């Protein structure tokens, strides 16, 4: 199941940031990717819709996460809490 979540996550990132799949490196810092607060909120909304979850208020600050990998782990945690 984790693989499917990761694949969906990457696919949504490709759509939001208009990137090729090989350009998505999960362990690169968000600042190196050039993620601004606007793109972060677009990503949060997209992930909430895609996975039917809701980010906690304290996680709406784009400085809360260092990497895409941390966001992915957070999403996995939120999905498992739902089940």
PDB file of N, CA and C in Angstrom:
ATOM      1  N   UNK A   1       0.824  -1.199   0.000  1.00  0.00           N
ATOM      2  CA  UNK A   1       0.000   0.000   0.000  1.00  0.00           C
ATOM      3  C   UNK A   1       0.869   1.264   0.000  1.00  0.00           C
ATOM      4  N   UNK A   2       1.978   1.242   0.710  1.00  0.00           N
ATOM      5  CA  UNK A   2       2.846   2.412   0.756  1.00  0.00           C
ATOM      6  C   UNK A   2       3.292   2.825  -0.643  1.00  0.00           C
ATOM      7  N   UNK A   3       3.590   1.861  -1.468  1.00  0.00           N
ATOM      8  CA  UNK A   3       4.041   2.148  -2.835  1.00  0.00           C
ATOM      9  C   UNK A   3       2.958   2.912  -3.584  1.00  0.00           C
ATOM     10  N   UNK A   4       1.721   2.489  -3.440  1.00  0.00           N
ATOM     11  CA  UNK A   4       0.616   3.156  -4.117  1.00  0.00           C
ATOM     12  C   UNK A   4       0.479   4.593  -3.622  1.00  0.00           C
ATOM     13  N   UNK A   5       0.600   4.804  -2.325  1.00  0.00           N
ATOM     14  CA  UNK A   5       0.522   6.149  -1.761  1.00  0.00           C
ATOM     15  C   UNK A   5       1.649   7.010  -2.328  1.00  0.00           C
ATOM     16  N   UNK A   6       2.854   6.442  -2.361  1.00  0.00           N
ATOM     17  CA  UNK A   6       3.998   7.191  -2.890  1.00  0.00           C
ATOM     18  C   UNK A   6       3.810   7.520  -4.369  1.00  0.00           C
ATOM     19  N   UNK A   7       3.298   6.577  -5.137  1.00  0.00           N
ATOM     20  CA  UNK A   7       3.063   6.824  -6.563  1.00  0.00           C
ATOM     21  C   UNK A   7       2.031   7.929  -6.771  1.00  0.00           C
ATOM     22  N   UNK A   8       0.952   7.884  -5.991  1.00  0.00           N
ATOM     23  CA  UNK A   8      -0.080   8.923  -6.096  1.00  0.00           C
ATOM     24  C   UNK A   8       0.480  10.278  -5.678  1.00  0.00           C
ATOM     25  N   UNK A   9       1.279  10.271  -4.615  1.00  0.00           N
ATOM     26  CA  UNK A   9       1.915  11.493  -4.114  1.00  0.00           C
ATOM     27  C   UNK A   9       2.781  12.115  -5.201  1.00  0.00           C
ATOM     28  N   UNK A  10       3.631  11.311  -5.821  1.00  0.00           N
ATOM     29  CA  UNK A  10       4.522  11.813  -6.865  1.00  0.00           C
ATOM     30  C   UNK A  10       3.730  12.308  -8.071  1.00  0.00           C
ATOM     31  N   UNK A  11       2.694  11.592  -8.428  1.00  0.00           N
ATOM     32  CA  UNK A  11       1.867  11.984  -9.568  1.00  0.00           C
ATOM     33  C   UNK A  11       1.222  13.346  -9.321  1.00  0.00           C
ATOM     34  N   UNK A  12       0.715  13.549  -8.112  1.00  0.00           N
ATOM     35  CA  UNK A  12       0.089  14.832  -7.768  1.00  0.00           C
ATOM     36  C   UNK A  12       1.132  15.949  -7.775  1.00  0.00           C
ATOM     37  N   UNK A  13       2.343  15.654  -7.277  1.00  0.00           N
ATOM     38  CA  UNK A  13       3.416  16.651  -7.301  1.00  0.00           C
ATOM     39  C   UNK A  13       3.773  17.035  -8.733  1.00  0.00           C
ATOM     40  N   UNK A  14       3.824  16.043  -9.616  1.00  0.00           N
ATOM     41  CA  UNK A  14       4.125  16.315 -11.026  1.00  0.00           C
ATOM     42  C   UNK A  14       3.081  17.261 -11.608  1.00  0.00           C
ATOM     43  N   UNK A  15       1.832  17.037 -11.245  1.00  0.00           N
ATOM     44  CA  UNK A  15       0.737  17.873 -11.739  1.00  0.00           C
ATOM     45  C   UNK A  15       0.833  19.301 -11.182  1.00  0.00           C
ATOM     46  N   UNK A  16       1.037  19.427  -9.878  1.00  0.00           N
ATOM     47  CA  UNK A  16       1.058  20.744  -9.230  1.00  0.00           C
ATOM     48  C   UNK A  16       2.261  21.573  -9.669  1.00  0.00           C
ATOM     49  N   UNK A  17       3.434  20.955  -9.650  1.00  0.00           N
ATOM     50  CA  UNK A  17       4.666  21.687  -9.943  1.00  0.00           C
ATOM     51  C   UNK A  17       5.078  21.598 -11.410  1.00  0.00           C
ATOM     52  N   UNK A  18       4.303  20.868 -12.211  1.00  0.00           N
ATOM     53  CA  UNK A  18       4.575  20.674 -13.641  1.00  0.00           C
ATOM     54  C   UNK A  18       6.006  20.176 -13.852  1.00  0.00           C
ATOM     55  N   UNK A  19       6.303  19.057 -13.191  1.00  0.00           N
ATOM     56  CA  UNK A  19       7.622  18.436 -13.263  1.00  0.00           C
ATOM     57  C   UNK A  19       7.536  17.059 -13.894  1.00  0.00           C
ATOM     58  N   UNK A  20       8.661  16.602 -14.402  1.00  0.00           N
ATOM     59  CA  UNK A  20       8.775  15.214 -14.851  1.00  0.00           C
ATOM     60  C   UNK A  20       9.012  14.348 -13.613  1.00  0.00           C
ATOM     61  N   UNK A  21       8.641  13.078 -13.694  1.00  0.00           N
ATOM     62  CA  UNK A  21       8.765  12.186 -12.538  1.00  0.00           C
ATOM     63  C   UNK A  21      10.201  12.113 -12.024  1.00  0.00           C
ATOM     64  N   UNK A  22      11.171  12.084 -12.935  1.00  0.00           N
ATOM     65  CA  UNK A  22      12.561  11.971 -12.501  1.00  0.00           C
ATOM     66  C   UNK A  22      13.066  13.248 -11.824  1.00  0.00           C
ATOM     67  N   UNK A  23      12.314  14.331 -11.895  1.00  0.00           N
ATOM     68  CA  UNK A  23      12.697  15.579 -11.227  1.00  0.00           C
ATOM     69  C   UNK A  23      12.250  15.601  -9.770  1.00  0.00           C
ATOM     70  N   UNK A  24      11.435  14.641  -9.377  1.00  0.00           N
ATOM     71  CA  UNK A  24      10.932  14.601  -8.006  1.00  0.00           C
ATOM     72  C   UNK A  24      11.853  13.733  -7.158  1.00  0.00           C
ATOM     73  N   UNK A  25      12.592  14.394  -6.287  1.00  0.00           N
ATOM     74  CA  UNK A  25      13.497  13.712  -5.365  1.00  0.00           C
ATOM     75  C   UNK A  25      12.970  13.962  -3.961  1.00  0.00           C
ATOM     76  N   UNK A  26      12.537  12.899  -3.293  1.00  0.00           N
ATOM     77  CA  UNK A  26      11.843  13.039  -2.022  1.00  0.00           C
ATOM     78  C   UNK A  26      12.700  13.605  -0.897  1.00  0.00           C
ATOM     79  N   UNK A  27      14.014  13.403  -0.950  1.00  0.00           N
ATOM     80  CA  UNK A  27      14.868  13.834   0.153  1.00  0.00           C
ATOM     81  C   UNK A  27      15.523  15.194  -0.048  1.00  0.00           C
ATOM     82  N   UNK A  28      15.154  15.899  -1.099  1.00  0.00           N
ATOM     83  CA  UNK A  28      15.684  17.243  -1.332  1.00  0.00           C
ATOM     84  C   UNK A  28      14.860  18.231  -0.498  1.00  0.00           C
ATOM     85  N   UNK A  29      15.526  19.240   0.033  1.00  0.00           N
ATOM     86  CA  UNK A  29      14.805  20.216   0.856  1.00  0.00           C
ATOM     87  C   UNK A  29      13.796  20.995   0.001  1.00  0.00           C
ATOM     88  N   UNK A  30      12.708  21.375   0.637  1.00  0.00           N
ATOM     89  CA  UNK A  30      11.668  22.133  -0.059  1.00  0.00           C
ATOM     90  C   UNK A  30      12.219  23.461  -0.571  1.00  0.00           C
ATOM     91  N   UNK A  31      13.117  24.067   0.180  1.00  0.00           N
ATOM     92  CA  UNK A  31      13.681  25.346  -0.261  1.00  0.00           C
ATOM     93  C   UNK A  31      14.511  25.175  -1.535  1.00  0.00           C
ATOM     94  N   UNK A  32      15.238  24.056  -1.660  1.00  0.00           N
ATOM     95  CA  UNK A  32      16.014  23.808  -2.884  1.00  0.00           C
ATOM     96  C   UNK A  32      15.092  23.580  -4.078  1.00  0.00           C
ATOM     97  N   UNK A  33      13.908  23.043  -3.812  1.00  0.00           N
ATOM     98  CA  UNK A  33      12.934  22.838  -4.886  1.00  0.00           C
ATOM     99  C   UNK A  33      12.233  24.143  -5.258  1.00  0.00           C
ATOM    100  N   UNK A  34      12.433  25.170  -4.448  1.00  0.00           N
ATOM    101  CA  UNK A  34      11.794  26.456  -4.717  1.00  0.00           C
ATOM    102  C   UNK A  34      10.340  26.497  -4.323  1.00  0.00           C
ATOM    103  N   UNK A  35       9.968  25.687  -3.324  1.00  0.00           N
ATOM    104  CA  UNK A  35       8.572  25.642  -2.883  1.00  0.00           C
ATOM    105  C   UNK A  35       8.270  26.905  -2.075  1.00  0.00           C
ATOM    106  N   UNK A  36       7.327  27.678  -2.563  1.00  0.00           N
ATOM    107  CA  UNK A  36       6.881  28.883  -1.865  1.00  0.00           C
ATOM    108  C   UNK A  36       5.647  28.538  -1.043  1.00  0.00           C
ATOM    109  N   UNK A  37       5.214  29.470  -0.226  1.00  0.00           N
ATOM    110  CA  UNK A  37       4.022  29.229   0.592  1.00  0.00           C
ATOM    111  C   UNK A  37       2.799  28.984  -0.288  1.00  0.00           C
ATOM    112  N   UNK A  38       2.721  29.656  -1.423  1.00  0.00           N
ATOM    113  CA  UNK A  38       1.575  29.477  -2.326  1.00  0.00           C
ATOM    114  C   UNK A  38       1.556  28.058  -2.897  1.00  0.00           C
ATOM    115  N   UNK A  39       2.709  27.603  -3.391  1.00  0.00           N
ATOM    116  CA  UNK A  39       2.763  26.245  -3.930  1.00  0.00           C
ATOM    117  C   UNK A  39       2.565  25.207  -2.843  1.00  0.00           C
ATOM    118  N   UNK A  40       3.022  25.505  -1.639  1.00  0.00           N
ATOM    119  CA  UNK A  40       2.836  24.570  -0.532  1.00  0.00           C
ATOM    120  C   UNK A  40       1.346  24.388  -0.249  1.00  0.00           C
ATOM    121  N   UNK A  41       0.611  25.483  -0.197  1.00  0.00           N
ATOM    122  CA  UNK A  41      -0.837  25.392   0.060  1.00  0.00           C
ATOM    123  C   UNK A  41      -1.537  24.668  -1.088  1.00  0.00           C
ATOM    124  N   UNK A  42      -1.120  24.928  -2.328  1.00  0.00           N
ATOM    125  CA  UNK A  42      -1.682  24.176  -3.467  1.00  0.00           C
ATOM    126  C   UNK A  42      -1.434  22.681  -3.283  1.00  0.00           C
ATOM    127  N   UNK A  43      -0.239  22.345  -2.826  1.00  0.00           N
ATOM    128  CA  UNK A  43       0.104  20.942  -2.614  1.00  0.00           C
ATOM    129  C   UNK A  43      -0.740  20.351  -1.490  1.00  0.00           C
ATOM    130  N   UNK A  44      -0.876  21.078  -0.388  1.00  0.00           N
ATOM    131  CA  UNK A  44      -1.668  20.589   0.751  1.00  0.00           C
ATOM    132  C   UNK A  44      -3.103  20.323   0.313  1.00  0.00           C
ATOM    133  N   UNK A  45      -3.706  21.281  -0.372  1.00  0.00           N
ATOM    134  CA  UNK A  45      -5.094  21.121  -0.829  1.00  0.00           C
ATOM    135  C   UNK A  45      -5.204  19.931  -1.775  1.00  0.00           C
ATOM    136  N   UNK A  46      -4.257  19.800  -2.690  1.00  0.00           N
ATOM    137  CA  UNK A  46      -4.262  18.673  -3.622  1.00  0.00           C
ATOM    138  C   UNK A  46      -4.142  17.332  -2.909  1.00  0.00           C
ATOM    139  N   UNK A  47      -3.268  17.266  -1.904  1.00  0.00           N
ATOM    140  CA  UNK A  47      -3.073  16.013  -1.164  1.00  0.00           C
ATOM    141  C   UNK A  47      -4.281  15.698  -0.295  1.00  0.00           C
ATOM    142  N   UNK A  48      -4.876  16.734   0.300  1.00  0.00           N
ATOM    143  CA  UNK A  48      -6.086  16.514   1.104  1.00  0.00           C
ATOM    144  C   UNK A  48      -7.200  15.940   0.241  1.00  0.00           C
ATOM    145  N   UNK A  49      -7.384  16.493  -0.941  1.00  0.00           N
ATOM    146  CA  UNK A  49      -8.410  15.993  -1.859  1.00  0.00           C
ATOM    147  C   UNK A  49      -8.085  14.587  -2.335  1.00  0.00           C
ATOM    148  N   UNK A  50      -6.849  14.358  -2.709  1.00  0.00           N
ATOM    149  CA  UNK A  50      -6.439  13.073  -3.255  1.00  0.00           C
ATOM    150  C   UNK A  50      -6.584  11.943  -2.236  1.00  0.00           C
ATOM    151  N   UNK A  51      -6.142  12.188  -1.020  1.00  0.00           N
ATOM    152  CA  UNK A  51      -6.114  11.127  -0.011  1.00  0.00           C
ATOM    153  C   UNK A  51      -7.265  11.212   0.993  1.00  0.00           C
ATOM    154  N   UNK A  52      -8.149  12.193   0.815  1.00  0.00           N
ATOM    155  CA  UNK A  52      -9.289  12.362   1.701  1.00  0.00           C
ATOM    156  C   UNK A  52      -8.843  12.477   3.164  1.00  0.00           C
ATOM    157  N   UNK A  53      -7.884  13.363   3.377  1.00  0.00           N
ATOM    158  CA  UNK A  53      -7.363  13.630   4.721  1.00  0.00           C
ATOM    159  C   UNK A  53      -7.401  15.133   4.947  1.00  0.00           C
ATOM    160  N   UNK A  54      -7.088  15.545   6.176  1.00  0.00           N
ATOM    161  CA  UNK A  54      -6.990  16.965   6.470  1.00  0.00           C
ATOM    162  C   UNK A  54      -5.706  17.218   7.238  1.00  0.00           C
ATOM    163  N   UNK A  55      -4.887  18.131   6.725  1.00  0.00           N
ATOM    164  CA  UNK A  55      -3.663  18.504   7.422  1.00  0.00           C
ATOM    165  C   UNK A  55      -4.030  19.249   8.700  1.00  0.00           C
ATOM    166  N   UNK A  56      -3.344  18.962   9.788  1.00  0.00           N
ATOM    167  CA  UNK A  56      -3.545  19.702  11.031  1.00  0.00           C
ATOM    168  C   UNK A  56      -3.128  21.152  10.810  1.00  0.00           C
ATOM    169  N   UNK A  57      -3.744  22.067  11.553  1.00  0.00           N
ATOM    170  CA  UNK A  57      -3.463  23.502  11.384  1.00  0.00           C
ATOM    171  C   UNK A  57      -1.978  23.818  11.487  1.00  0.00           C
ATOM    172  N   UNK A  58      -1.280  23.191  12.443  1.00  0.00           N
ATOM    173  CA  UNK A  58       0.144  23.502  12.613  1.00  0.00           C
ATOM    174  C   UNK A  58       0.991  23.016  11.440  1.00  0.00           C
ATOM    175  N   UNK A  59       0.428  22.159  10.597  1.00  0.00           N
ATOM    176  CA  UNK A  59       1.158  21.644   9.430  1.00  0.00           C
ATOM    177  C   UNK A  59       0.878  22.457   8.168  1.00  0.00           C
ATOM    178  N   UNK A  60       0.127  23.539   8.308  1.00  0.00           N
ATOM    179  CA  UNK A  60      -0.166  24.385   7.159  1.00  0.00           C
ATOM    180  C   UNK A  60       0.952  25.390   6.886  1.00  0.00           C
ATOM    181  N   UNK A  61       1.917  25.475   7.778  1.00  0.00           N
ATOM    182  CA  UNK A  61       3.091  26.326   7.592  1.00  0.00           C
ATOM    183  C   UNK A  61       4.123  25.540   6.794  1.00  0.00           C
ATOM    184  N   UNK A  62       4.521  26.057   5.656  1.00  0.00           N
ATOM    185  CA  UNK A  62       5.416  25.295   4.786  1.00  0.00           C
ATOM    186  C   UNK A  62       6.807  25.110   5.363  1.00  0.00           C
ATOM    187  N   UNK A  63       7.120  25.798   6.440  1.00  0.00           N
ATOM    188  CA  UNK A  63       8.413  25.600   7.093  1.00  0.00           C
ATOM    189  C   UNK A  63       8.377  24.447   8.093  1.00  0.00           C
ATOM    190  N   UNK A  64       7.207  23.842   8.274  1.00  0.00           N
ATOM    191  CA  UNK A  64       7.046  22.709   9.203  1.00  0.00           C
ATOM    192  C   UNK A  64       7.798  21.476   8.697  1.00  0.00           C
ATOM    193  N   UNK A  65       7.876  21.314   7.396  1.00  0.00           N
ATOM    194  CA  UNK A  65       8.510  20.141   6.794  1.00  0.00           C
ATOM    195  C   UNK A  65       9.783  20.560   6.064  1.00  0.00           C
ATOM    196  N   UNK A  66      10.816  19.749   6.184  1.00  0.00           N
ATOM    197  CA  UNK A  66      12.082  20.015   5.490  1.00  0.00           C
ATOM    198  C   UNK A  66      12.069  19.476   4.058  1.00  0.00           C
ATOM    199  N   UNK A  67      11.492  18.266   3.887  1.00  0.00           N
ATOM    200  CA  UNK A  67      11.568  17.568   2.595  1.00  0.00           C
ATOM    201  C   UNK A  67      10.211  17.030   2.172  1.00  0.00           C
ATOM    202  N   UNK A  68      10.124  16.639   0.904  1.00  0.00           N
ATOM    203  CA  UNK A  68       8.916  15.969   0.404  1.00  0.00           C
ATOM    204  C   UNK A  68       8.707  14.642   1.126  1.00  0.00           C
ATOM    205  N   UNK A  69       9.799  13.994   1.470  1.00  0.00           N
ATOM    206  CA  UNK A  69       9.726  12.716   2.172  1.00  0.00           C
ATOM    207  C   UNK A  69       9.000  12.869   3.514  1.00  0.00           C
ATOM    208  N   UNK A  70       9.276  13.963   4.225  1.00  0.00           N
ATOM    209  CA  UNK A  70       8.599  14.214   5.500  1.00  0.00           C
ATOM    210  C   UNK A  70       7.103  14.432   5.288  1.00  0.00           C
ATOM    211  N   UNK A  71       6.745  15.117   4.226  1.00  0.00           N
ATOM    212  CA  UNK A  71       5.329  15.334   3.916  1.00  0.00           C
ATOM    213  C   UNK A  71       4.666  14.000   3.583  1.00  0.00           C
ATOM    214  N   UNK A  72       5.349  13.176   2.804  1.00  0.00           N
ATOM    215  CA  UNK A  72       4.819  11.862   2.452  1.00  0.00           C
ATOM    216  C   UNK A  72       4.589  11.016   3.707  1.00  0.00           C
ATOM    217  N   UNK A  73       5.521  11.021   4.632  1.00  0.00           N
ATOM    218  CA  UNK A  73       5.367  10.265   5.877  1.00  0.00           C
ATOM    219  C   UNK A  73       4.183  10.791   6.685  1.00  0.00           C
ATOM    220  N   UNK A  74       4.006  12.095   6.703  1.00  0.00           N
ATOM    221  CA  UNK A  74       2.881  12.702   7.402  1.00  0.00           C
ATOM    222  C   UNK A  74       1.560  12.239   6.776  1.00  0.00           C
ATOM    223  N   UNK A  75       1.512  12.222   5.456  1.00  0.00           N
ATOM    224  CA  UNK A  75       0.301  11.785   4.761  1.00  0.00           C
ATOM    225  C   UNK A  75       0.008  10.312   5.080  1.00  0.00           C
ATOM    226  N   UNK A  76       1.028   9.476   5.063  1.00  0.00           N
ATOM    227  CA  UNK A  76       0.843   8.057   5.415  1.00  0.00           C
ATOM    228  C   UNK A  76       0.284   7.920   6.827  1.00  0.00           C
ATOM    229  N   UNK A  77       0.798   8.730   7.749  1.00  0.00           N
ATOM    230  CA  UNK A  77       0.318   8.694   9.133  1.00  0.00           C
ATOM    231  C   UNK A  77      -1.157   9.094   9.194  1.00  0.00           C
ATOM    232  N   UNK A  78      -1.520  10.152   8.485  1.00  0.00           N
ATOM    233  CA  UNK A  78      -2.917  10.611   8.494  1.00  0.00           C
ATOM    234  C   UNK A  78      -3.847   9.565   7.887  1.00  0.00           C
ATOM    235  N   UNK A  79      -3.391   8.883   6.851  1.00  0.00           N
ATOM    236  CA  UNK A  79      -4.199   7.830   6.224  1.00  0.00           C
ATOM    237  C   UNK A  79      -4.394   6.674   7.200  1.00  0.00           C
ATOM    238  N   UNK A  80      -3.335   6.283   7.874  1.00  0.00           N
ATOM    239  CA  UNK A  80      -3.443   5.142   8.808  1.00  0.00           C
ATOM    240  C   UNK A  80      -4.319   5.490  10.002  1.00  0.00           C
ATOM    241  N   UNK A  81      -4.333   6.746  10.428  1.00  0.00           N
ATOM    242  CA  UNK A  81      -5.208   7.184  11.529  1.00  0.00           C
ATOM    243  C   UNK A  81      -6.672   7.072  11.149  1.00  0.00           C
ATOM    244  N   UNK A  82      -6.961   7.251   9.869  1.00  0.00           N
ATOM    245  CA  UNK A  82      -8.335   7.179   9.371  1.00  0.00           C
ATOM    246  C   UNK A  82      -8.882   5.751   9.374  1.00  0.00           C
ATOM    247  N   UNK A  83      -7.996   4.790   9.227  1.00  0.00           N
ATOM    248  CA  UNK A  83      -8.447   3.402   9.040  1.00  0.00           C
ATOM    249  C   UNK A  83      -8.783   2.730  10.331  1.00  0.00           C
TER     250      UNK A  83
END
